[in-house]
N, C-alpha and C. Protein backbone atom coordinates (compact mmCIF):
# COMPACT_ATOMS: atom_id res chain seq x y z
N ASP A 1 46.05 7.61 -33.10
CA ASP A 1 45.40 8.90 -33.31
C ASP A 1 45.97 9.52 -34.58
N TYR A 2 45.10 9.92 -35.48
CA TYR A 2 45.52 10.50 -36.75
C TYR A 2 44.88 11.87 -36.91
N ALA A 3 45.71 12.90 -37.13
CA ALA A 3 45.21 14.26 -37.32
C ALA A 3 44.82 14.44 -38.78
N MET A 4 43.52 14.37 -39.06
CA MET A 4 43.06 14.57 -40.44
C MET A 4 43.23 16.03 -40.84
N THR A 5 42.88 16.93 -39.92
CA THR A 5 43.14 18.37 -40.07
C THR A 5 43.54 18.87 -38.69
N ALA A 6 43.83 20.17 -38.58
CA ALA A 6 44.19 20.74 -37.28
C ALA A 6 43.05 20.63 -36.29
N LYS A 7 41.82 20.57 -36.79
CA LYS A 7 40.64 20.54 -35.90
C LYS A 7 39.96 19.18 -35.83
N LEU A 8 40.40 18.23 -36.64
CA LEU A 8 39.72 16.94 -36.71
C LEU A 8 40.71 15.80 -36.53
N HIS A 9 40.51 15.01 -35.47
CA HIS A 9 41.37 13.87 -35.18
C HIS A 9 40.54 12.59 -35.23
N TYR A 10 41.16 11.52 -35.73
CA TYR A 10 40.47 10.24 -35.89
C TYR A 10 41.33 9.14 -35.27
N GLY A 11 40.66 8.18 -34.67
CA GLY A 11 41.39 7.06 -34.09
C GLY A 11 40.65 5.76 -34.33
N LEU A 12 41.39 4.66 -34.37
CA LEU A 12 40.83 3.33 -34.55
C LEU A 12 41.52 2.40 -33.57
N GLY A 13 40.73 1.52 -32.92
CA GLY A 13 41.34 0.65 -31.93
C GLY A 13 40.52 -0.61 -31.70
N ALA A 14 41.07 -1.48 -30.88
CA ALA A 14 40.40 -2.73 -30.53
C ALA A 14 40.69 -3.03 -29.08
N SER A 15 39.82 -3.80 -28.46
CA SER A 15 40.03 -4.18 -27.07
C SER A 15 39.48 -5.58 -26.83
N LEU A 16 40.00 -6.19 -25.77
CA LEU A 16 39.61 -7.53 -25.36
C LEU A 16 39.41 -7.50 -23.86
N GLY A 17 38.33 -8.13 -23.37
CA GLY A 17 38.07 -8.09 -21.93
C GLY A 17 37.30 -9.29 -21.44
N TYR A 18 37.21 -9.38 -20.11
CA TYR A 18 36.52 -10.49 -19.48
C TYR A 18 35.76 -9.95 -18.27
N ASP A 19 34.47 -10.26 -18.16
CA ASP A 19 33.64 -9.88 -17.02
C ASP A 19 33.36 -11.10 -16.18
N GLN A 20 33.73 -11.04 -14.91
CA GLN A 20 33.41 -12.12 -13.98
C GLN A 20 32.44 -11.58 -12.94
N VAL A 21 31.26 -12.20 -12.86
CA VAL A 21 30.21 -11.76 -11.94
C VAL A 21 29.76 -12.97 -11.13
N ASP A 22 29.90 -12.90 -9.82
CA ASP A 22 29.49 -14.01 -8.95
C ASP A 22 28.00 -14.26 -9.10
N GLY A 23 27.62 -15.52 -9.27
CA GLY A 23 26.21 -15.89 -9.36
C GLY A 23 25.59 -15.64 -10.71
N SER A 24 26.40 -15.29 -11.70
CA SER A 24 25.86 -15.02 -13.03
C SER A 24 26.77 -15.63 -14.08
N ASN A 25 26.42 -15.45 -15.35
CA ASN A 25 27.24 -15.97 -16.45
C ASN A 25 28.37 -15.00 -16.74
N ASN A 26 29.61 -15.45 -16.57
CA ASN A 26 30.75 -14.63 -16.93
C ASN A 26 30.79 -14.46 -18.44
N ALA A 27 31.53 -13.46 -18.91
CA ALA A 27 31.53 -13.19 -20.34
C ALA A 27 32.89 -12.72 -20.83
N LEU A 28 33.25 -13.16 -22.01
CA LEU A 28 34.42 -12.69 -22.74
C LEU A 28 33.92 -11.76 -23.84
N PHE A 29 34.62 -10.63 -24.06
CA PHE A 29 34.16 -9.71 -25.11
C PHE A 29 35.33 -9.12 -25.87
N GLU A 30 35.04 -8.78 -27.13
CA GLU A 30 35.98 -8.11 -28.01
C GLU A 30 35.28 -6.89 -28.59
N GLN A 31 36.03 -5.80 -28.77
CA GLN A 31 35.46 -4.57 -29.34
C GLN A 31 36.34 -4.05 -30.47
N ILE A 32 35.69 -3.49 -31.47
CA ILE A 32 36.35 -2.72 -32.51
C ILE A 32 35.76 -1.32 -32.42
N ASN A 33 36.63 -0.31 -32.19
CA ASN A 33 36.15 1.03 -31.90
C ASN A 33 36.77 2.07 -32.84
N THR A 34 36.00 3.11 -33.09
CA THR A 34 36.51 4.29 -33.79
C THR A 34 36.25 5.51 -32.91
N ARG A 35 37.04 6.54 -33.12
CA ARG A 35 36.88 7.77 -32.35
C ARG A 35 37.16 8.97 -33.24
N VAL A 36 36.33 10.01 -33.11
CA VAL A 36 36.53 11.26 -33.83
C VAL A 36 36.40 12.40 -32.83
N VAL A 37 37.38 13.30 -32.80
CA VAL A 37 37.33 14.50 -31.98
C VAL A 37 37.39 15.69 -32.92
N TRP A 38 36.37 16.53 -32.84
CA TRP A 38 36.25 17.68 -33.75
C TRP A 38 36.22 18.95 -32.92
N ALA A 39 37.26 19.76 -33.02
CA ALA A 39 37.31 21.06 -32.36
C ALA A 39 36.64 22.07 -33.29
N ILE A 40 35.35 22.24 -33.12
CA ILE A 40 34.58 23.11 -34.01
C ILE A 40 35.06 24.55 -33.91
N SER A 41 35.33 25.00 -32.69
CA SER A 41 35.82 26.35 -32.44
C SER A 41 36.66 26.31 -31.17
N PRO A 42 37.31 27.42 -30.81
CA PRO A 42 38.08 27.41 -29.56
C PRO A 42 37.20 27.13 -28.33
N LYS A 43 35.89 27.29 -28.45
CA LYS A 43 35.00 27.09 -27.30
C LYS A 43 34.16 25.83 -27.37
N LEU A 44 34.12 25.15 -28.50
CA LEU A 44 33.23 23.99 -28.64
C LEU A 44 33.96 22.82 -29.30
N ALA A 45 33.86 21.66 -28.67
CA ALA A 45 34.45 20.44 -29.22
C ALA A 45 33.45 19.30 -29.09
N ILE A 46 33.44 18.42 -30.10
CA ILE A 46 32.58 17.25 -30.11
C ILE A 46 33.47 16.01 -30.08
N ARG A 47 33.16 15.07 -29.18
CA ARG A 47 33.89 13.80 -29.08
C ARG A 47 32.91 12.67 -29.36
N THR A 48 33.23 11.84 -30.33
CA THR A 48 32.36 10.72 -30.66
C THR A 48 33.17 9.44 -30.72
N GLY A 49 32.55 8.39 -30.25
CA GLY A 49 33.16 7.07 -30.35
C GLY A 49 32.06 6.06 -30.66
N ALA A 50 32.36 5.11 -31.50
CA ALA A 50 31.37 4.09 -31.86
C ALA A 50 32.09 2.80 -32.17
N GLY A 51 31.37 1.71 -32.03
CA GLY A 51 31.99 0.44 -32.33
C GLY A 51 31.02 -0.71 -32.23
N ILE A 52 31.56 -1.89 -32.43
CA ILE A 52 30.80 -3.14 -32.32
C ILE A 52 31.45 -3.97 -31.22
N GLU A 53 30.62 -4.50 -30.34
CA GLU A 53 31.11 -5.39 -29.30
C GLU A 53 30.57 -6.79 -29.54
N PHE A 54 31.46 -7.77 -29.51
CA PHE A 54 31.10 -9.17 -29.62
C PHE A 54 31.28 -9.79 -28.23
N ARG A 55 30.24 -10.41 -27.71
CA ARG A 55 30.28 -10.93 -26.34
C ARG A 55 29.84 -12.38 -26.32
N GLN A 56 30.63 -13.23 -25.62
CA GLN A 56 30.33 -14.64 -25.50
C GLN A 56 30.13 -14.96 -24.01
N TYR A 57 28.94 -15.46 -23.66
CA TYR A 57 28.61 -15.79 -22.28
C TYR A 57 28.96 -17.25 -22.00
N GLN A 58 29.55 -17.50 -20.86
CA GLN A 58 29.97 -18.84 -20.50
C GLN A 58 28.82 -19.60 -19.83
N GLY A 59 28.75 -20.88 -20.11
CA GLY A 59 27.74 -21.72 -19.49
C GLY A 59 26.41 -21.74 -20.21
N VAL A 60 26.24 -20.91 -21.22
CA VAL A 60 25.01 -20.87 -22.00
C VAL A 60 25.38 -20.72 -23.47
N ASP A 61 24.48 -21.11 -24.33
CA ASP A 61 24.70 -20.98 -25.77
C ASP A 61 24.21 -19.60 -26.21
N LEU A 62 25.02 -18.57 -25.92
CA LEU A 62 24.60 -17.20 -26.21
C LEU A 62 25.81 -16.38 -26.63
N ASP A 63 25.80 -15.93 -27.88
CA ASP A 63 26.78 -15.00 -28.40
C ASP A 63 26.01 -13.78 -28.90
N ARG A 64 26.53 -12.60 -28.62
CA ARG A 64 25.84 -11.37 -29.02
C ARG A 64 26.79 -10.43 -29.72
N ALA A 65 26.23 -9.61 -30.59
CA ALA A 65 26.94 -8.47 -31.17
C ALA A 65 26.06 -7.25 -30.90
N ILE A 66 26.65 -6.18 -30.36
CA ILE A 66 25.88 -4.99 -30.01
C ILE A 66 26.63 -3.75 -30.47
N PHE A 67 25.87 -2.76 -30.92
CA PHE A 67 26.42 -1.46 -31.29
C PHE A 67 26.64 -0.66 -30.01
N ILE A 68 27.83 -0.14 -29.81
CA ILE A 68 28.14 0.68 -28.64
C ILE A 68 28.58 2.06 -29.11
N TYR A 69 28.35 3.07 -28.27
CA TYR A 69 28.74 4.42 -28.64
C TYR A 69 28.98 5.27 -27.40
N ASP A 70 29.67 6.38 -27.63
CA ASP A 70 29.94 7.38 -26.60
C ASP A 70 30.05 8.71 -27.32
N VAL A 71 29.13 9.63 -27.06
CA VAL A 71 29.10 10.93 -27.73
C VAL A 71 29.05 12.02 -26.67
N ALA A 72 29.89 13.06 -26.80
CA ALA A 72 29.90 14.14 -25.82
C ALA A 72 30.26 15.45 -26.50
N ALA A 73 29.81 16.54 -25.89
CA ALA A 73 30.14 17.88 -26.35
C ALA A 73 30.68 18.67 -25.17
N ASP A 74 31.78 19.40 -25.39
CA ASP A 74 32.39 20.25 -24.37
C ASP A 74 32.31 21.70 -24.83
N TRP A 75 31.75 22.54 -23.97
CA TRP A 75 31.61 23.96 -24.28
C TRP A 75 32.36 24.78 -23.24
N LYS A 76 33.32 25.56 -23.71
CA LYS A 76 34.08 26.44 -22.82
C LYS A 76 33.28 27.72 -22.63
N VAL A 77 32.50 27.74 -21.55
CA VAL A 77 31.61 28.87 -21.28
C VAL A 77 32.41 30.14 -21.03
N SER A 78 33.51 30.02 -20.29
CA SER A 78 34.41 31.13 -19.99
C SER A 78 35.80 30.54 -19.82
N PRO A 79 36.83 31.37 -19.65
CA PRO A 79 38.17 30.81 -19.46
C PRO A 79 38.28 29.88 -18.25
N LEU A 80 37.33 29.99 -17.30
CA LEU A 80 37.40 29.18 -16.08
C LEU A 80 36.31 28.11 -15.99
N THR A 81 35.37 28.09 -16.91
CA THR A 81 34.21 27.20 -16.80
C THR A 81 34.01 26.39 -18.07
N VAL A 82 33.82 25.07 -17.91
CA VAL A 82 33.54 24.17 -19.03
C VAL A 82 32.29 23.37 -18.70
N ALA A 83 31.36 23.31 -19.64
CA ALA A 83 30.14 22.50 -19.50
C ALA A 83 30.20 21.36 -20.51
N SER A 84 29.80 20.17 -20.08
CA SER A 84 29.83 19.00 -20.94
C SER A 84 28.51 18.25 -20.84
N ILE A 85 28.07 17.71 -21.98
CA ILE A 85 26.92 16.81 -22.00
C ILE A 85 27.31 15.60 -22.83
N GLY A 86 26.68 14.45 -22.52
CA GLY A 86 27.04 13.26 -23.28
C GLY A 86 26.04 12.14 -23.12
N THR A 87 26.21 11.15 -23.95
CA THR A 87 25.40 9.93 -23.88
C THR A 87 26.28 8.75 -24.28
N ASN A 88 25.98 7.57 -23.74
CA ASN A 88 26.74 6.38 -24.10
C ASN A 88 25.87 5.15 -23.96
N ARG A 89 26.30 4.06 -24.61
CA ARG A 89 25.56 2.80 -24.57
C ARG A 89 26.55 1.64 -24.53
N GLY A 90 26.24 0.64 -23.70
CA GLY A 90 27.09 -0.53 -23.60
C GLY A 90 26.32 -1.70 -23.01
N SER A 91 27.00 -2.83 -22.82
CA SER A 91 26.37 -4.04 -22.31
C SER A 91 27.32 -4.76 -21.38
N THR A 92 26.78 -5.34 -20.28
CA THR A 92 27.57 -6.11 -19.33
C THR A 92 26.69 -7.20 -18.73
N PRO A 93 27.30 -8.22 -18.11
CA PRO A 93 26.49 -9.14 -17.31
C PRO A 93 25.90 -8.37 -16.13
N SER A 94 24.71 -8.73 -15.72
CA SER A 94 24.06 -8.05 -14.59
C SER A 94 24.78 -8.40 -13.30
N ASN A 95 25.02 -7.38 -12.45
CA ASN A 95 25.63 -7.65 -11.15
C ASN A 95 24.59 -7.74 -10.04
N SER A 96 23.30 -7.61 -10.39
CA SER A 96 22.26 -7.71 -9.37
C SER A 96 21.24 -8.80 -9.67
N ALA A 97 21.09 -9.18 -10.93
CA ALA A 97 20.13 -10.22 -11.32
C ALA A 97 20.90 -11.40 -11.93
N PRO A 98 20.89 -12.55 -11.26
CA PRO A 98 21.64 -13.70 -11.78
C PRO A 98 21.19 -14.11 -13.19
N ASN A 99 22.16 -14.52 -13.99
CA ASN A 99 21.91 -15.05 -15.33
C ASN A 99 21.17 -14.08 -16.25
N GLN A 100 21.52 -12.80 -16.12
CA GLN A 100 21.00 -11.80 -17.05
C GLN A 100 22.15 -10.94 -17.54
N TYR A 101 21.99 -10.37 -18.72
CA TYR A 101 22.89 -9.32 -19.18
C TYR A 101 22.08 -8.04 -19.27
N THR A 102 22.76 -6.91 -19.18
CA THR A 102 22.07 -5.63 -19.19
C THR A 102 22.62 -4.76 -20.31
N ASP A 103 21.71 -4.13 -21.04
CA ASP A 103 22.05 -3.09 -22.00
C ASP A 103 21.74 -1.76 -21.35
N ARG A 104 22.74 -0.88 -21.28
CA ARG A 104 22.61 0.37 -20.53
C ARG A 104 22.80 1.56 -21.46
N THR A 105 21.82 2.48 -21.45
CA THR A 105 21.92 3.73 -22.19
C THR A 105 21.91 4.86 -21.17
N ALA A 106 22.93 5.70 -21.19
CA ALA A 106 23.09 6.72 -20.15
C ALA A 106 23.23 8.11 -20.77
N PHE A 107 22.77 9.10 -20.01
CA PHE A 107 22.89 10.51 -20.36
C PHE A 107 23.48 11.23 -19.16
N ASN A 108 24.42 12.16 -19.39
CA ASN A 108 25.03 12.86 -18.27
C ASN A 108 25.40 14.28 -18.66
N ALA A 109 25.56 15.12 -17.64
CA ALA A 109 25.96 16.51 -17.83
C ALA A 109 26.85 16.93 -16.67
N THR A 110 27.83 17.77 -16.96
CA THR A 110 28.78 18.23 -15.94
C THR A 110 29.15 19.69 -16.21
N VAL A 111 29.27 20.45 -15.15
CA VAL A 111 29.81 21.81 -15.22
C VAL A 111 31.01 21.86 -14.28
N ALA A 112 32.16 22.28 -14.81
CA ALA A 112 33.39 22.39 -14.01
C ALA A 112 33.86 23.83 -14.03
N HIS A 113 34.19 24.36 -12.84
CA HIS A 113 34.63 25.75 -12.72
C HIS A 113 35.93 25.79 -11.92
N LYS A 114 36.95 26.41 -12.50
CA LYS A 114 38.25 26.52 -11.83
C LYS A 114 38.21 27.70 -10.87
N VAL A 115 38.66 27.45 -9.63
CA VAL A 115 38.68 28.48 -8.59
C VAL A 115 40.13 28.69 -8.18
N GLY A 116 40.69 29.81 -8.58
CA GLY A 116 42.09 30.05 -8.28
C GLY A 116 42.99 29.15 -9.11
N GLU A 117 44.21 28.95 -8.64
CA GLU A 117 45.19 28.14 -9.37
C GLU A 117 45.08 26.65 -9.05
N ARG A 118 44.51 26.31 -7.89
CA ARG A 118 44.59 24.92 -7.43
C ARG A 118 43.26 24.19 -7.36
N TYR A 119 42.13 24.88 -7.35
CA TYR A 119 40.85 24.23 -7.06
C TYR A 119 39.94 24.18 -8.29
N THR A 120 39.16 23.10 -8.39
CA THR A 120 38.14 22.97 -9.43
C THR A 120 36.87 22.41 -8.78
N ALA A 121 35.78 23.15 -8.93
CA ALA A 121 34.48 22.70 -8.42
C ALA A 121 33.67 22.15 -9.59
N THR A 122 33.03 21.00 -9.40
CA THR A 122 32.21 20.41 -10.46
C THR A 122 30.84 20.03 -9.92
N LEU A 123 29.88 20.07 -10.80
CA LEU A 123 28.53 19.58 -10.50
C LEU A 123 28.13 18.70 -11.66
N GLY A 124 27.85 17.43 -11.37
CA GLY A 124 27.48 16.49 -12.41
C GLY A 124 26.19 15.78 -12.06
N GLY A 125 25.55 15.26 -13.07
CA GLY A 125 24.33 14.50 -12.87
C GLY A 125 24.03 13.67 -14.09
N GLY A 126 23.11 12.73 -13.94
CA GLY A 126 22.79 11.91 -15.09
C GLY A 126 21.65 10.96 -14.85
N TYR A 127 21.31 10.26 -15.91
CA TYR A 127 20.23 9.28 -15.91
C TYR A 127 20.67 8.09 -16.76
N ALA A 128 20.33 6.89 -16.33
CA ALA A 128 20.63 5.70 -17.11
C ALA A 128 19.42 4.77 -17.12
N LEU A 129 19.13 4.24 -18.29
CA LEU A 129 18.08 3.25 -18.46
C LEU A 129 18.77 1.91 -18.71
N THR A 130 18.48 0.93 -17.86
CA THR A 130 19.09 -0.38 -17.97
C THR A 130 18.02 -1.42 -18.25
N ASP A 131 18.19 -2.17 -19.33
CA ASP A 131 17.27 -3.25 -19.69
C ASP A 131 17.99 -4.57 -19.50
N GLY A 132 17.41 -5.45 -18.67
CA GLY A 132 17.99 -6.77 -18.45
C GLY A 132 17.31 -7.82 -19.30
N THR A 133 18.08 -8.79 -19.78
CA THR A 133 17.55 -9.88 -20.58
C THR A 133 18.16 -11.18 -20.08
N ALA A 134 17.34 -12.22 -19.99
CA ALA A 134 17.84 -13.52 -19.50
C ALA A 134 18.89 -14.07 -20.44
N SER A 135 19.96 -14.62 -19.85
CA SER A 135 21.03 -15.20 -20.66
C SER A 135 20.98 -16.72 -20.55
N GLY A 136 19.90 -17.29 -21.07
CA GLY A 136 19.83 -18.74 -21.16
C GLY A 136 18.95 -19.41 -20.14
N VAL A 137 18.37 -18.67 -19.19
CA VAL A 137 17.51 -19.26 -18.18
C VAL A 137 16.07 -18.87 -18.46
N THR A 138 15.22 -19.83 -18.73
CA THR A 138 13.83 -19.53 -19.03
C THR A 138 13.07 -19.22 -17.74
N GLY A 139 12.04 -18.40 -17.88
CA GLY A 139 11.22 -18.04 -16.74
C GLY A 139 11.77 -16.88 -15.93
N THR A 140 12.93 -16.34 -16.31
CA THR A 140 13.50 -15.20 -15.60
C THR A 140 12.79 -13.92 -16.05
N VAL A 141 12.37 -13.09 -15.08
CA VAL A 141 11.72 -11.82 -15.41
C VAL A 141 12.80 -10.80 -15.71
N PRO A 142 12.82 -10.22 -16.93
CA PRO A 142 13.84 -9.22 -17.26
C PRO A 142 13.74 -8.02 -16.32
N GLN A 143 14.89 -7.57 -15.85
CA GLN A 143 14.93 -6.44 -14.93
C GLN A 143 15.11 -5.15 -15.71
N GLU A 144 14.33 -4.13 -15.35
CA GLU A 144 14.46 -2.80 -15.94
C GLU A 144 14.68 -1.80 -14.82
N ASP A 145 15.67 -0.93 -14.99
CA ASP A 145 16.01 0.05 -13.96
C ASP A 145 16.10 1.44 -14.55
N ASP A 146 15.60 2.42 -13.79
CA ASP A 146 15.78 3.84 -14.08
C ASP A 146 16.65 4.40 -12.96
N TYR A 147 17.85 4.85 -13.31
CA TYR A 147 18.85 5.25 -12.33
C TYR A 147 19.20 6.73 -12.53
N TYR A 148 19.16 7.50 -11.44
CA TYR A 148 19.47 8.93 -11.46
C TYR A 148 20.58 9.21 -10.45
N PHE A 149 21.43 10.21 -10.74
CA PHE A 149 22.42 10.62 -9.74
C PHE A 149 22.75 12.10 -9.90
N VAL A 150 23.15 12.72 -8.77
CA VAL A 150 23.67 14.09 -8.73
C VAL A 150 24.95 14.04 -7.92
N ARG A 151 26.02 14.69 -8.44
CA ARG A 151 27.32 14.57 -7.78
C ARG A 151 28.10 15.89 -7.82
N PRO A 152 28.08 16.67 -6.72
CA PRO A 152 28.99 17.81 -6.62
C PRO A 152 30.34 17.34 -6.08
N ALA A 153 31.42 18.00 -6.51
CA ALA A 153 32.76 17.61 -6.08
C ALA A 153 33.68 18.82 -6.07
N LEU A 154 34.74 18.70 -5.27
CA LEU A 154 35.76 19.73 -5.23
C LEU A 154 37.12 19.04 -5.34
N ALA A 155 37.90 19.43 -6.35
CA ALA A 155 39.22 18.85 -6.58
C ALA A 155 40.29 19.89 -6.28
N VAL A 156 41.43 19.42 -5.81
CA VAL A 156 42.54 20.33 -5.50
C VAL A 156 43.83 19.73 -6.05
N LYS A 157 44.66 20.60 -6.63
CA LYS A 157 45.98 20.20 -7.11
C LYS A 157 46.94 20.28 -5.93
N LEU A 158 47.43 19.12 -5.46
CA LEU A 158 48.27 19.05 -4.28
C LEU A 158 49.74 19.25 -4.60
N ALA A 159 50.16 18.82 -5.78
CA ALA A 159 51.55 18.95 -6.23
C ALA A 159 51.54 18.92 -7.76
N GLU A 160 52.71 18.96 -8.37
CA GLU A 160 52.79 19.00 -9.82
C GLU A 160 52.08 17.83 -10.47
N ARG A 161 52.19 16.63 -9.88
CA ARG A 161 51.59 15.43 -10.46
C ARG A 161 50.52 14.80 -9.58
N MET A 162 50.18 15.42 -8.47
CA MET A 162 49.24 14.81 -7.53
C MET A 162 48.01 15.70 -7.34
N ALA A 163 46.84 15.05 -7.30
CA ALA A 163 45.58 15.77 -7.08
C ALA A 163 44.68 14.97 -6.14
N GLY A 164 43.80 15.66 -5.47
CA GLY A 164 42.84 15.02 -4.60
C GLY A 164 41.46 15.60 -4.86
N ALA A 165 40.42 14.86 -4.49
CA ALA A 165 39.06 15.34 -4.69
C ALA A 165 38.16 14.76 -3.61
N ALA A 166 37.15 15.54 -3.23
CA ALA A 166 36.11 15.09 -2.30
C ALA A 166 34.78 15.27 -3.01
N TYR A 167 33.87 14.31 -2.81
CA TYR A 167 32.59 14.40 -3.49
C TYR A 167 31.45 13.89 -2.61
N TYR A 168 30.26 14.34 -2.96
CA TYR A 168 29.02 13.82 -2.39
C TYR A 168 28.17 13.34 -3.57
N GLN A 169 27.49 12.22 -3.41
CA GLN A 169 26.65 11.71 -4.49
C GLN A 169 25.31 11.22 -3.96
N TYR A 170 24.25 11.70 -4.58
CA TYR A 170 22.90 11.22 -4.29
C TYR A 170 22.49 10.30 -5.42
N ARG A 171 22.00 9.09 -5.09
CA ARG A 171 21.59 8.13 -6.11
C ARG A 171 20.17 7.64 -5.83
N LYS A 172 19.43 7.42 -6.91
CA LYS A 172 18.08 6.87 -6.80
C LYS A 172 17.87 5.89 -7.94
N ASN A 173 17.34 4.72 -7.61
CA ASN A 173 17.08 3.70 -8.63
C ASN A 173 15.65 3.20 -8.49
N ASP A 174 14.93 3.22 -9.60
CA ASP A 174 13.58 2.65 -9.67
C ASP A 174 13.66 1.40 -10.53
N SER A 175 13.25 0.26 -9.97
CA SER A 175 13.40 -1.01 -10.66
C SER A 175 12.11 -1.81 -10.60
N ASN A 176 11.89 -2.65 -11.62
CA ASN A 176 10.73 -3.54 -11.59
C ASN A 176 11.04 -4.83 -10.84
N ALA A 177 12.30 -5.00 -10.40
CA ALA A 177 12.71 -6.20 -9.66
C ALA A 177 12.44 -6.01 -8.17
N ALA A 178 12.03 -7.07 -7.51
CA ALA A 178 11.79 -7.01 -6.07
C ALA A 178 13.09 -6.66 -5.36
N GLY A 179 13.04 -5.63 -4.53
CA GLY A 179 14.23 -5.19 -3.80
C GLY A 179 15.20 -4.38 -4.63
N GLY A 180 14.82 -4.03 -5.85
CA GLY A 180 15.73 -3.30 -6.72
C GLY A 180 15.69 -1.79 -6.55
N ASP A 181 14.66 -1.26 -5.87
CA ASP A 181 14.58 0.18 -5.64
C ASP A 181 15.53 0.58 -4.52
N PHE A 182 16.20 1.71 -4.67
CA PHE A 182 17.00 2.23 -3.56
C PHE A 182 17.22 3.72 -3.75
N THR A 183 17.47 4.37 -2.64
CA THR A 183 17.90 5.76 -2.60
C THR A 183 19.01 5.82 -1.57
N ASN A 184 20.15 6.43 -1.92
CA ASN A 184 21.20 6.54 -0.92
C ASN A 184 22.07 7.76 -1.16
N HIS A 185 22.92 8.00 -0.19
CA HIS A 185 23.84 9.13 -0.19
C HIS A 185 25.25 8.58 -0.02
N GLN A 186 26.19 9.10 -0.78
CA GLN A 186 27.57 8.63 -0.70
C GLN A 186 28.50 9.84 -0.58
N ILE A 187 29.57 9.68 0.16
CA ILE A 187 30.64 10.67 0.18
C ILE A 187 31.93 9.91 -0.09
N GLY A 188 32.89 10.59 -0.66
CA GLY A 188 34.14 9.90 -0.98
C GLY A 188 35.30 10.84 -1.18
N LEU A 189 36.49 10.28 -1.13
CA LEU A 189 37.74 10.98 -1.38
C LEU A 189 38.52 10.25 -2.44
N ASN A 190 39.12 10.98 -3.36
CA ASN A 190 39.98 10.40 -4.40
C ASN A 190 41.36 11.03 -4.31
N LEU A 191 42.37 10.24 -4.54
CA LEU A 191 43.74 10.74 -4.61
C LEU A 191 44.36 10.15 -5.86
N SER A 192 44.95 10.99 -6.70
CA SER A 192 45.53 10.51 -7.96
C SER A 192 46.94 11.06 -8.14
N TYR A 193 47.75 10.27 -8.84
CA TYR A 193 49.09 10.65 -9.18
C TYR A 193 49.34 10.37 -10.64
N SER A 194 49.79 11.34 -11.39
CA SER A 194 50.04 11.18 -12.84
C SER A 194 51.53 11.06 -13.09
N PHE A 195 51.87 10.11 -13.97
CA PHE A 195 53.30 9.95 -14.31
C PHE A 195 53.44 9.61 -15.77
């Protein structure tokens, strides 16, 4: 992380990873990433990240390079409330359609409000468009999905380094693949410790 000015920070990095998906082509990938955080004012900040991902699929003659990004804006509505919007794009092997990879473009928004000293209530939601492409198998019908979610949550600070959260999530997916449509409800608990 390099502070270009008091309000503008820049970063450069790289990563290496491996995706293993049962019934599909596993993949090795490398990324070169840049990041810029611009604090426009005490109430508004822009976070941007962009890079190139190189992905090699196993078992097929397929190497890809894809542009990836993550862009978000945070607005401090009041001393207790922050609203965020963002979009991102990436690629992975499909976990629902064998021998396909998926390019995913997502949009999301969140509002977080601090209640007292220990509690934070959030409401988030988003949409993702996923395009599937065959990775070496002819005759495969590419899968396309429209995915929506809404997620309210309540977090509590349990100790100096420990926090917990409870959430409810509604999800809906519209897909051109047989059996790919679903609607469901989820509830969950998270416990985290920072050190």
